[in-house]
N, C-alpha and C. Protein backbone atom coordinates (compact mmCIF):
# COMPACT_ATOMS: atom_id res chain seq x y z
N MET A 1 6.13 0.23 -19.86
CA MET A 1 6.28 0.12 -18.39
C MET A 1 5.31 1.08 -17.67
N ARG A 2 4.66 0.48 -16.69
CA ARG A 2 3.70 1.24 -15.92
C ARG A 2 4.33 1.92 -14.76
N GLN A 3 4.73 3.12 -14.90
CA GLN A 3 5.54 3.86 -13.91
C GLN A 3 4.94 5.20 -13.65
N ALA A 4 5.24 5.75 -12.48
CA ALA A 4 4.82 7.12 -12.15
C ALA A 4 5.78 7.68 -11.01
N GLU A 5 5.91 8.96 -11.04
CA GLU A 5 6.62 9.70 -9.97
C GLU A 5 5.60 10.82 -9.49
N VAL A 6 5.58 10.93 -8.21
CA VAL A 6 4.72 11.99 -7.57
C VAL A 6 5.51 12.71 -6.43
N ASP A 7 5.42 14.03 -6.49
CA ASP A 7 5.88 14.82 -5.38
C ASP A 7 4.70 15.44 -4.64
N ARG A 8 4.77 15.38 -3.34
CA ARG A 8 3.74 16.06 -2.46
C ARG A 8 4.46 16.93 -1.47
N ASN A 9 4.22 18.19 -1.52
CA ASN A 9 4.88 19.13 -0.65
C ASN A 9 3.87 19.96 0.08
N THR A 10 3.93 19.91 1.39
CA THR A 10 2.99 20.72 2.24
C THR A 10 3.90 21.40 3.31
N LEU A 11 3.22 22.15 4.15
CA LEU A 11 3.97 22.83 5.25
C LEU A 11 4.40 21.81 6.26
N GLU A 12 3.85 20.60 6.21
CA GLU A 12 4.16 19.52 7.21
C GLU A 12 5.13 18.50 6.69
N THR A 13 5.05 18.18 5.34
CA THR A 13 5.84 17.11 4.82
C THR A 13 6.31 17.45 3.42
N GLN A 14 7.37 16.76 3.06
CA GLN A 14 7.84 16.77 1.62
C GLN A 14 8.07 15.30 1.24
N ILE A 15 7.25 14.84 0.32
CA ILE A 15 7.27 13.38 -0.08
C ILE A 15 7.54 13.27 -1.55
N TYR A 16 8.39 12.28 -1.86
CA TYR A 16 8.59 11.89 -3.30
C TYR A 16 8.39 10.37 -3.34
N VAL A 17 7.57 9.96 -4.29
CA VAL A 17 7.34 8.48 -4.52
C VAL A 17 7.48 8.21 -6.02
N SER A 18 8.27 7.18 -6.27
CA SER A 18 8.38 6.66 -7.65
C SER A 18 7.96 5.15 -7.61
N VAL A 19 7.17 4.71 -8.48
CA VAL A 19 6.73 3.35 -8.51
C VAL A 19 6.75 2.81 -9.94
N ASN A 20 7.15 1.55 -10.06
CA ASN A 20 7.07 0.83 -11.31
C ASN A 20 6.36 -0.52 -11.04
N LEU A 21 5.12 -0.56 -11.52
CA LEU A 21 4.32 -1.74 -11.23
C LEU A 21 4.80 -3.03 -11.82
N ASP A 22 5.71 -2.91 -12.87
CA ASP A 22 6.24 -4.05 -13.51
C ASP A 22 7.70 -4.27 -13.17
N GLY A 23 7.99 -4.01 -11.94
CA GLY A 23 9.40 -4.12 -11.52
C GLY A 23 9.82 -5.44 -11.00
N SER A 24 10.90 -5.40 -10.14
CA SER A 24 11.34 -6.69 -9.63
C SER A 24 11.56 -6.65 -8.12
N GLY A 25 11.03 -5.61 -7.47
CA GLY A 25 11.13 -5.49 -5.99
C GLY A 25 12.23 -4.58 -5.60
N GLU A 26 12.89 -3.89 -6.41
CA GLU A 26 13.95 -2.97 -6.03
C GLU A 26 13.37 -1.81 -5.23
N ARG A 27 14.12 -1.35 -4.27
CA ARG A 27 13.51 -0.25 -3.42
C ARG A 27 14.60 0.60 -2.86
N MET A 28 14.25 1.87 -2.68
CA MET A 28 15.16 2.85 -2.03
C MET A 28 14.24 3.64 -1.09
N LEU A 29 14.41 3.55 0.19
CA LEU A 29 13.50 4.05 1.15
C LEU A 29 14.21 4.98 2.16
N SER A 30 13.72 6.16 2.30
CA SER A 30 14.30 7.13 3.23
C SER A 30 13.25 8.03 3.84
N THR A 31 12.71 7.61 5.00
CA THR A 31 11.60 8.30 5.59
C THR A 31 11.79 8.89 6.99
N GLY A 32 12.90 8.44 7.60
CA GLY A 32 13.09 8.80 9.01
C GLY A 32 12.31 7.88 9.92
N LEU A 33 11.63 6.93 9.40
CA LEU A 33 10.83 5.96 10.23
C LEU A 33 11.16 4.54 9.86
N PRO A 34 12.18 3.96 10.51
CA PRO A 34 12.71 2.71 10.16
C PRO A 34 11.68 1.55 10.12
N PHE A 35 10.71 1.53 11.08
CA PHE A 35 9.68 0.47 11.01
C PHE A 35 8.77 0.56 9.81
N LEU A 36 8.47 1.78 9.42
CA LEU A 36 7.64 1.98 8.22
C LEU A 36 8.43 1.51 7.03
N GLU A 37 9.71 1.86 6.96
CA GLU A 37 10.54 1.43 5.86
C GLU A 37 10.59 -0.09 5.78
N HIS A 38 10.66 -0.73 6.90
CA HIS A 38 10.62 -2.24 6.90
C HIS A 38 9.34 -2.75 6.32
N MET A 39 8.28 -2.08 6.57
CA MET A 39 6.92 -2.54 6.01
C MET A 39 6.92 -2.18 4.50
N LEU A 40 7.35 -1.02 4.09
CA LEU A 40 7.38 -0.67 2.69
C LEU A 40 8.28 -1.60 1.89
N ASP A 41 9.34 -2.05 2.51
CA ASP A 41 10.22 -3.07 1.93
C ASP A 41 9.37 -4.36 1.60
N GLN A 42 8.46 -4.71 2.54
CA GLN A 42 7.67 -5.92 2.30
C GLN A 42 6.73 -5.74 1.07
N VAL A 43 6.23 -4.50 0.93
CA VAL A 43 5.31 -4.22 -0.20
C VAL A 43 6.07 -4.37 -1.53
N ALA A 44 7.28 -3.80 -1.58
CA ALA A 44 8.09 -3.86 -2.82
C ALA A 44 8.42 -5.29 -3.07
N ARG A 45 8.93 -6.00 -2.13
CA ARG A 45 9.39 -7.35 -2.35
C ARG A 45 8.33 -8.34 -2.81
N HIS A 46 7.20 -8.25 -2.01
CA HIS A 46 6.08 -9.18 -2.32
C HIS A 46 5.21 -8.72 -3.37
N GLY A 47 5.18 -7.39 -3.64
CA GLY A 47 4.39 -6.85 -4.74
C GLY A 47 5.15 -6.83 -6.04
N LEU A 48 6.44 -7.20 -5.98
CA LEU A 48 7.37 -7.12 -7.20
C LEU A 48 7.20 -5.77 -7.90
N LEU A 49 7.13 -4.71 -7.13
CA LEU A 49 7.18 -3.39 -7.71
C LEU A 49 8.43 -2.69 -7.25
N ASP A 50 8.95 -1.84 -8.16
CA ASP A 50 10.08 -1.02 -7.83
C ASP A 50 9.52 0.23 -7.14
N LEU A 51 10.17 0.57 -5.95
CA LEU A 51 9.64 1.63 -5.20
C LEU A 51 10.71 2.52 -4.60
N VAL A 52 10.52 3.81 -4.85
CA VAL A 52 11.39 4.78 -4.18
C VAL A 52 10.52 5.70 -3.34
N VAL A 53 10.79 5.84 -2.06
CA VAL A 53 10.09 6.72 -1.22
C VAL A 53 11.13 7.58 -0.50
N ARG A 54 11.05 8.90 -0.73
CA ARG A 54 11.89 9.83 0.09
C ARG A 54 10.87 10.83 0.79
N ALA A 55 11.02 10.88 2.12
CA ALA A 55 10.11 11.66 2.89
C ALA A 55 10.84 12.43 4.01
N SER A 56 10.47 13.60 4.20
CA SER A 56 10.85 14.34 5.40
C SER A 56 9.56 15.11 5.90
N GLY A 57 9.49 15.07 7.18
CA GLY A 57 8.29 15.65 7.79
C GLY A 57 8.52 16.11 9.20
N ASP A 58 7.41 16.56 9.80
CA ASP A 58 7.51 17.13 11.14
C ASP A 58 7.51 16.03 12.23
N LEU A 59 8.49 15.19 12.15
CA LEU A 59 8.68 14.03 13.10
C LEU A 59 8.86 14.57 14.54
N GLU A 60 9.34 15.79 14.66
CA GLU A 60 9.47 16.36 15.99
C GLU A 60 8.13 16.45 16.75
N ILE A 61 7.08 16.56 15.92
CA ILE A 61 5.72 16.58 16.56
C ILE A 61 5.24 15.09 16.81
N ASP A 62 5.13 14.38 15.72
CA ASP A 62 4.96 12.93 15.76
C ASP A 62 5.01 12.42 14.31
N ALA A 63 4.71 11.14 14.08
CA ALA A 63 4.88 10.57 12.72
C ALA A 63 3.58 10.66 11.91
N HIS A 64 2.51 11.13 12.51
CA HIS A 64 1.25 11.08 11.84
C HIS A 64 1.22 11.68 10.41
N HIS A 65 1.69 12.94 10.28
CA HIS A 65 1.60 13.59 8.95
C HIS A 65 2.44 12.85 7.99
N THR A 66 3.62 12.41 8.39
CA THR A 66 4.53 11.77 7.45
C THR A 66 3.93 10.45 6.98
N VAL A 67 3.49 9.62 7.87
CA VAL A 67 2.93 8.30 7.54
C VAL A 67 1.68 8.52 6.67
N GLU A 68 0.80 9.34 6.98
CA GLU A 68 -0.44 9.59 6.17
C GLU A 68 -0.08 10.07 4.77
N ASP A 69 0.89 11.03 4.73
CA ASP A 69 1.14 11.62 3.42
C ASP A 69 2.00 10.64 2.50
N ILE A 70 2.71 9.73 3.12
CA ILE A 70 3.37 8.71 2.32
C ILE A 70 2.26 7.77 1.74
N GLY A 71 1.21 7.43 2.51
CA GLY A 71 0.13 6.65 1.99
C GLY A 71 -0.59 7.33 0.88
N ILE A 72 -0.82 8.66 1.04
CA ILE A 72 -1.52 9.44 0.00
C ILE A 72 -0.68 9.49 -1.27
N THR A 73 0.66 9.74 -1.15
CA THR A 73 1.50 9.84 -2.24
C THR A 73 1.69 8.55 -3.01
N LEU A 74 1.81 7.44 -2.21
CA LEU A 74 1.93 6.15 -2.86
C LEU A 74 0.60 5.86 -3.68
N GLY A 75 -0.53 6.21 -3.02
CA GLY A 75 -1.80 6.00 -3.73
C GLY A 75 -1.86 6.74 -5.05
N GLN A 76 -1.41 8.00 -5.04
CA GLN A 76 -1.42 8.82 -6.25
C GLN A 76 -0.50 8.23 -7.30
N ALA A 77 0.63 7.70 -6.86
CA ALA A 77 1.59 7.12 -7.83
C ALA A 77 1.05 5.87 -8.46
N VAL A 78 0.47 5.02 -7.64
CA VAL A 78 -0.17 3.74 -8.15
C VAL A 78 -1.29 4.06 -9.11
N ARG A 79 -2.13 5.02 -8.75
CA ARG A 79 -3.28 5.37 -9.64
C ARG A 79 -2.75 5.87 -10.99
N GLU A 80 -1.69 6.74 -10.93
CA GLU A 80 -1.12 7.22 -12.23
C GLU A 80 -0.48 6.08 -12.97
N ALA A 81 0.28 5.20 -12.38
CA ALA A 81 0.96 4.11 -13.05
C ALA A 81 -0.02 3.11 -13.65
N ILE A 82 -1.15 2.84 -12.97
CA ILE A 82 -2.09 1.83 -13.47
C ILE A 82 -2.77 2.30 -14.74
N GLY A 83 -2.81 3.56 -14.96
CA GLY A 83 -3.42 4.13 -16.18
C GLY A 83 -4.90 3.89 -16.27
N ASP A 84 -5.35 3.50 -17.51
CA ASP A 84 -6.78 3.38 -17.84
C ASP A 84 -7.36 2.05 -17.29
N LYS A 85 -6.44 1.16 -16.80
CA LYS A 85 -6.86 -0.13 -16.20
C LYS A 85 -7.22 -1.16 -17.26
N ARG A 86 -7.05 -0.91 -18.50
CA ARG A 86 -7.36 -1.88 -19.52
C ARG A 86 -6.40 -3.08 -19.33
N GLY A 87 -6.99 -4.26 -19.36
CA GLY A 87 -6.29 -5.54 -19.31
C GLY A 87 -5.85 -6.00 -17.93
N ILE A 88 -6.09 -5.16 -16.87
CA ILE A 88 -5.62 -5.63 -15.58
C ILE A 88 -6.66 -6.63 -15.02
N ARG A 89 -6.14 -7.41 -14.02
CA ARG A 89 -6.96 -8.39 -13.38
C ARG A 89 -8.04 -7.65 -12.48
N ARG A 90 -7.77 -6.49 -12.04
CA ARG A 90 -8.64 -5.67 -11.23
C ARG A 90 -8.72 -6.05 -9.80
N TYR A 91 -9.00 -7.33 -9.48
CA TYR A 91 -9.11 -7.79 -8.13
C TYR A 91 -7.85 -8.58 -7.69
N GLY A 92 -7.50 -8.40 -6.42
CA GLY A 92 -6.38 -9.21 -5.91
C GLY A 92 -6.64 -9.44 -4.45
N HIS A 93 -6.14 -10.63 -4.01
CA HIS A 93 -6.29 -11.00 -2.67
C HIS A 93 -5.05 -11.84 -2.16
N ALA A 94 -4.84 -11.83 -0.93
CA ALA A 94 -3.76 -12.66 -0.37
C ALA A 94 -3.97 -12.94 1.07
N TYR A 95 -3.63 -14.15 1.49
CA TYR A 95 -3.53 -14.52 2.94
C TYR A 95 -2.06 -14.69 3.16
N VAL A 96 -1.58 -14.15 4.27
CA VAL A 96 -0.16 -14.28 4.62
C VAL A 96 -0.05 -14.61 6.17
N PRO A 97 0.65 -15.67 6.50
CA PRO A 97 0.94 -15.95 7.89
C PRO A 97 2.30 -15.50 8.26
N LEU A 98 2.55 -15.32 9.52
CA LEU A 98 3.88 -15.08 10.13
C LEU A 98 3.73 -15.67 11.56
N ASP A 99 4.28 -16.82 11.81
CA ASP A 99 4.11 -17.54 13.10
C ASP A 99 2.67 -17.57 13.55
N GLU A 100 2.29 -16.93 14.60
CA GLU A 100 0.92 -16.96 15.07
C GLU A 100 -0.09 -16.06 14.35
N ALA A 101 0.49 -15.13 13.58
CA ALA A 101 -0.39 -14.11 12.93
C ALA A 101 -0.78 -14.53 11.55
N LEU A 102 -1.96 -14.07 11.18
CA LEU A 102 -2.51 -14.35 9.82
C LEU A 102 -3.36 -13.17 9.37
N SER A 103 -3.09 -12.66 8.21
CA SER A 103 -3.83 -11.51 7.69
C SER A 103 -4.34 -11.79 6.27
N ARG A 104 -5.41 -11.13 6.00
CA ARG A 104 -5.99 -11.23 4.60
C ARG A 104 -6.12 -9.83 4.11
N VAL A 105 -5.76 -9.61 2.77
CA VAL A 105 -5.95 -8.30 2.17
C VAL A 105 -6.63 -8.59 0.85
N VAL A 106 -7.67 -7.83 0.57
CA VAL A 106 -8.36 -7.95 -0.76
C VAL A 106 -8.50 -6.44 -1.32
N ILE A 107 -8.10 -6.34 -2.62
CA ILE A 107 -8.14 -5.04 -3.20
C ILE A 107 -8.86 -5.13 -4.53
N ASP A 108 -9.60 -3.98 -4.81
CA ASP A 108 -10.33 -3.81 -6.10
C ASP A 108 -10.02 -2.48 -6.67
N PHE A 109 -9.44 -2.47 -7.88
CA PHE A 109 -9.18 -1.19 -8.59
C PHE A 109 -10.50 -0.68 -9.16
N SER A 110 -11.43 -0.36 -8.31
CA SER A 110 -12.83 -0.06 -8.65
C SER A 110 -13.08 1.37 -9.09
N GLY A 111 -12.14 2.26 -8.74
CA GLY A 111 -12.36 3.69 -8.93
C GLY A 111 -13.18 4.31 -7.82
N ARG A 112 -13.57 3.46 -6.83
CA ARG A 112 -14.37 3.90 -5.71
C ARG A 112 -13.51 3.69 -4.51
N PRO A 113 -13.05 4.80 -3.84
CA PRO A 113 -12.25 4.65 -2.60
C PRO A 113 -13.03 4.11 -1.47
N GLY A 114 -12.44 3.09 -0.78
CA GLY A 114 -13.11 2.59 0.41
C GLY A 114 -12.06 1.74 1.19
N LEU A 115 -12.18 1.80 2.47
CA LEU A 115 -11.27 1.08 3.36
C LEU A 115 -12.12 0.43 4.45
N GLU A 116 -11.94 -0.93 4.58
CA GLU A 116 -12.38 -1.71 5.71
C GLU A 116 -11.16 -2.22 6.38
N TYR A 117 -10.88 -1.78 7.59
CA TYR A 117 -9.60 -2.10 8.26
C TYR A 117 -9.96 -2.68 9.59
N HIS A 118 -9.60 -3.95 9.83
CA HIS A 118 -9.93 -4.63 11.05
C HIS A 118 -8.66 -5.31 11.55
N VAL A 119 -7.92 -4.50 12.35
CA VAL A 119 -6.68 -5.00 12.97
C VAL A 119 -6.70 -4.52 14.46
N ASN A 120 -6.76 -5.47 15.38
CA ASN A 120 -6.70 -5.18 16.77
C ASN A 120 -5.38 -5.55 17.33
N PHE A 121 -4.55 -4.53 17.71
CA PHE A 121 -3.23 -4.75 18.20
C PHE A 121 -3.25 -4.99 19.72
N PRO A 122 -2.33 -5.80 20.24
CA PRO A 122 -2.31 -6.06 21.65
C PRO A 122 -1.54 -4.97 22.38
N ARG A 123 -0.88 -4.08 21.65
CA ARG A 123 -0.16 -2.95 22.24
C ARG A 123 -0.19 -1.76 21.31
N ALA A 124 0.10 -0.54 21.86
CA ALA A 124 -0.06 0.71 21.06
C ALA A 124 1.13 1.04 20.21
N THR A 125 2.31 0.50 20.52
CA THR A 125 3.48 0.80 19.73
C THR A 125 4.29 -0.47 19.43
N VAL A 126 5.07 -0.39 18.33
CA VAL A 126 6.07 -1.32 18.02
C VAL A 126 7.44 -0.52 18.06
N GLY A 127 8.24 -0.73 19.06
CA GLY A 127 9.34 0.15 19.27
C GLY A 127 8.73 1.56 19.64
N GLN A 128 9.10 2.53 18.85
CA GLN A 128 8.56 3.84 19.05
C GLN A 128 7.45 4.19 18.08
N PHE A 129 7.03 3.25 17.26
CA PHE A 129 6.11 3.47 16.14
C PHE A 129 4.65 3.26 16.68
N ASP A 130 3.78 4.27 16.51
CA ASP A 130 2.38 4.19 16.90
C ASP A 130 1.64 3.39 15.91
N VAL A 131 1.13 2.17 16.29
CA VAL A 131 0.52 1.35 15.36
C VAL A 131 -0.86 1.89 14.77
N ASP A 132 -1.45 2.85 15.44
CA ASP A 132 -2.65 3.51 14.93
C ASP A 132 -2.36 4.16 13.55
N LEU A 133 -1.14 4.53 13.28
CA LEU A 133 -0.81 5.23 12.06
C LEU A 133 -0.92 4.38 10.89
N PHE A 134 -0.99 3.07 11.00
CA PHE A 134 -1.08 2.21 9.84
C PHE A 134 -2.46 2.33 9.24
N HIS A 135 -3.53 2.61 10.04
CA HIS A 135 -4.86 2.91 9.52
C HIS A 135 -4.74 4.17 8.64
N GLU A 136 -4.08 5.19 9.17
CA GLU A 136 -3.99 6.41 8.42
C GLU A 136 -3.23 6.23 7.03
N PHE A 137 -2.26 5.39 7.04
CA PHE A 137 -1.47 5.02 5.83
C PHE A 137 -2.41 4.45 4.79
N PHE A 138 -3.12 3.45 5.24
CA PHE A 138 -4.02 2.67 4.32
C PHE A 138 -5.15 3.51 3.84
N GLN A 139 -5.67 4.39 4.74
CA GLN A 139 -6.80 5.25 4.33
C GLN A 139 -6.36 6.25 3.26
N GLY A 140 -5.15 6.77 3.45
CA GLY A 140 -4.61 7.67 2.44
C GLY A 140 -4.35 6.95 1.18
N PHE A 141 -3.89 5.75 1.19
CA PHE A 141 -3.62 5.01 -0.03
C PHE A 141 -4.95 4.76 -0.74
N ALA A 142 -5.90 4.19 -0.05
CA ALA A 142 -7.21 3.85 -0.68
C ALA A 142 -7.87 5.04 -1.32
N ASN A 143 -7.90 6.14 -0.54
CA ASN A 143 -8.53 7.33 -1.09
C ASN A 143 -7.89 7.84 -2.37
N HIS A 144 -6.58 7.80 -2.46
CA HIS A 144 -5.88 8.41 -3.55
C HIS A 144 -5.50 7.46 -4.71
N ALA A 145 -5.44 6.17 -4.42
CA ALA A 145 -5.39 5.13 -5.52
C ALA A 145 -6.74 4.81 -6.03
N GLN A 146 -7.74 5.28 -5.34
CA GLN A 146 -9.17 5.04 -5.77
C GLN A 146 -9.44 3.57 -5.86
N VAL A 147 -9.13 2.90 -4.74
CA VAL A 147 -9.32 1.45 -4.70
C VAL A 147 -10.23 1.11 -3.47
N THR A 148 -10.88 0.02 -3.56
CA THR A 148 -11.64 -0.57 -2.40
C THR A 148 -10.63 -1.53 -1.77
N LEU A 149 -10.36 -1.37 -0.45
CA LEU A 149 -9.31 -2.14 0.23
C LEU A 149 -9.89 -2.75 1.48
N HIS A 150 -9.90 -4.04 1.62
CA HIS A 150 -10.30 -4.72 2.77
C HIS A 150 -9.02 -5.33 3.53
N ILE A 151 -8.84 -5.00 4.69
CA ILE A 151 -7.70 -5.53 5.53
C ILE A 151 -8.22 -6.11 6.78
N ASP A 152 -7.93 -7.39 6.93
CA ASP A 152 -8.37 -8.14 8.16
C ASP A 152 -7.16 -8.91 8.69
N ASN A 153 -6.85 -8.64 9.97
CA ASN A 153 -5.96 -9.55 10.68
C ASN A 153 -6.77 -10.51 11.35
N LEU A 154 -6.64 -11.77 10.93
CA LEU A 154 -7.55 -12.86 11.36
C LEU A 154 -7.10 -13.40 12.70
N ARG A 155 -5.78 -13.35 12.93
CA ARG A 155 -5.35 -13.74 14.33
C ARG A 155 -3.93 -13.26 14.49
N GLY A 156 -3.56 -13.09 15.72
CA GLY A 156 -2.18 -12.62 16.06
C GLY A 156 -2.11 -12.10 17.47
N ALA A 157 -0.95 -12.35 18.09
CA ALA A 157 -0.73 -11.85 19.43
C ALA A 157 0.50 -10.92 19.51
N ASN A 158 1.29 -10.89 18.47
CA ASN A 158 2.49 -10.02 18.40
C ASN A 158 2.25 -8.93 17.33
N ALA A 159 2.22 -7.66 17.82
CA ALA A 159 1.91 -6.54 16.91
C ALA A 159 2.86 -6.46 15.70
N HIS A 160 4.14 -6.72 15.87
CA HIS A 160 5.04 -6.73 14.70
C HIS A 160 4.60 -7.74 13.73
N HIS A 161 4.36 -8.95 14.19
CA HIS A 161 3.90 -10.05 13.29
C HIS A 161 2.59 -9.65 12.59
N GLN A 162 1.67 -9.10 13.34
CA GLN A 162 0.35 -8.72 12.75
C GLN A 162 0.57 -7.74 11.57
N ILE A 163 1.32 -6.73 11.81
CA ILE A 163 1.36 -5.68 10.82
C ILE A 163 2.26 -6.12 9.64
N GLU A 164 3.22 -6.98 9.91
CA GLU A 164 4.05 -7.47 8.83
C GLU A 164 3.23 -8.40 7.88
N THR A 165 2.35 -9.20 8.45
CA THR A 165 1.45 -10.00 7.62
C THR A 165 0.53 -9.14 6.77
N VAL A 166 0.09 -8.03 7.37
CA VAL A 166 -0.80 -7.08 6.63
C VAL A 166 -0.08 -6.52 5.41
N PHE A 167 1.18 -6.03 5.64
CA PHE A 167 1.91 -5.43 4.57
C PHE A 167 2.30 -6.39 3.43
N LYS A 168 2.71 -7.60 3.87
CA LYS A 168 3.07 -8.65 2.90
C LYS A 168 1.81 -8.98 2.05
N ALA A 169 0.73 -9.16 2.71
CA ALA A 169 -0.51 -9.50 2.01
C ALA A 169 -0.93 -8.36 1.08
N PHE A 170 -0.77 -7.09 1.54
CA PHE A 170 -1.10 -5.95 0.74
C PHE A 170 -0.21 -5.95 -0.55
N GLY A 171 1.09 -6.20 -0.42
CA GLY A 171 1.93 -6.25 -1.57
C GLY A 171 1.52 -7.29 -2.62
N ARG A 172 1.18 -8.46 -2.04
CA ARG A 172 0.80 -9.56 -2.95
C ARG A 172 -0.54 -9.34 -3.63
N ALA A 173 -1.52 -8.78 -2.83
CA ALA A 173 -2.84 -8.47 -3.42
C ALA A 173 -2.69 -7.41 -4.48
N LEU A 174 -1.91 -6.37 -4.19
CA LEU A 174 -1.70 -5.31 -5.13
C LEU A 174 -1.11 -5.84 -6.45
N ARG A 175 -0.09 -6.73 -6.32
CA ARG A 175 0.48 -7.31 -7.49
C ARG A 175 -0.48 -8.08 -8.30
N MET A 176 -1.32 -8.93 -7.64
CA MET A 176 -2.29 -9.69 -8.36
C MET A 176 -3.34 -8.80 -9.12
N ALA A 177 -3.78 -7.74 -8.42
CA ALA A 177 -4.85 -6.93 -9.07
C ALA A 177 -4.34 -6.10 -10.20
N ALA A 178 -3.05 -5.70 -10.12
CA ALA A 178 -2.44 -4.81 -11.14
C ALA A 178 -1.90 -5.57 -12.34
N GLU A 179 -1.78 -6.94 -12.14
CA GLU A 179 -1.25 -7.72 -13.23
C GLU A 179 -2.06 -7.58 -14.52
N ILE A 180 -1.34 -7.67 -15.63
CA ILE A 180 -2.02 -7.70 -16.89
C ILE A 180 -2.43 -9.16 -17.22
N ASP A 181 -3.77 -9.36 -17.45
CA ASP A 181 -4.28 -10.61 -17.85
C ASP A 181 -4.27 -10.71 -19.42
N PRO A 182 -3.51 -11.56 -19.98
CA PRO A 182 -3.41 -11.58 -21.45
C PRO A 182 -4.77 -11.89 -22.09
N ARG A 183 -5.63 -12.58 -21.39
CA ARG A 183 -6.98 -12.85 -21.93
C ARG A 183 -7.89 -11.63 -22.00
N MET A 184 -7.53 -10.60 -21.15
CA MET A 184 -8.32 -9.38 -21.18
C MET A 184 -7.94 -8.44 -22.31
N ALA A 185 -6.70 -8.61 -22.78
CA ALA A 185 -6.19 -7.72 -23.81
C ALA A 185 -6.51 -6.24 -23.55
N ASP A 186 -7.27 -5.59 -24.41
CA ASP A 186 -7.63 -4.24 -24.24
C ASP A 186 -9.00 -3.97 -23.58
N ILE A 187 -9.41 -4.94 -22.85
CA ILE A 187 -10.71 -4.82 -22.27
C ILE A 187 -10.64 -4.23 -20.86
N THR A 188 -11.57 -3.34 -20.54
CA THR A 188 -11.68 -2.79 -19.20
C THR A 188 -12.44 -3.74 -18.37
N PRO A 189 -11.87 -4.24 -17.21
CA PRO A 189 -12.62 -5.26 -16.49
C PRO A 189 -13.85 -4.72 -15.69
N SER A 190 -14.84 -4.31 -16.40
CA SER A 190 -16.03 -3.84 -15.82
C SER A 190 -17.17 -3.87 -16.86
N THR A 191 -18.38 -4.27 -16.44
CA THR A 191 -19.50 -4.32 -17.35
C THR A 191 -19.97 -2.87 -17.74
N LYS A 192 -19.52 -1.86 -16.94
CA LYS A 192 -19.82 -0.47 -17.31
C LYS A 192 -18.89 0.01 -18.43
N GLY A 193 -17.76 -0.70 -18.68
CA GLY A 193 -16.85 -0.23 -19.69
C GLY A 193 -15.82 0.73 -19.24
N SER A 194 -15.87 1.15 -17.94
CA SER A 194 -14.89 2.08 -17.36
C SER A 194 -14.78 1.87 -15.86
N LEU A 195 -13.63 2.20 -15.38
CA LEU A 195 -13.41 2.12 -13.90
C LEU A 195 -12.86 3.40 -13.39
């Protein structure tokens, strides 16, 4: 089983993440941020990974540190769980619609962190949640999972729909890239021989 647990404790946040890449979509989420939990639920369900996220942070200031640090810690846990990357598909992609919204996410377990994030929201918040923080979440994830991540919202007029399509597509792309390809056996999917 490809699993990992990571604790991240700073003066601003205390984060615990547990991930099982070969799970069934079970999740336990407690962050103090219901909309983020709704999105993490999408990742677990559509990524078929078991996910535990417990976070407390300086929400009295704002959600920035908590959201970013959850992205960082999830990235660290995924990197640890994926191991040496032998036999994985390496690349994953997904298109996901929700009513008028359509998003595409492409991921590469390249070992080279990079984020291309192209989501233009029609408003600044969903409920009380600042939509700018999703960029910080994915930047933290990409940097610490050491993946190249391309996120494009191709269309959408409703910010909730837009971000939900992004997170569903992220979960599906992650699942595809992390899957073991039986034809790859013990092969590292790179001509360099390492990732």
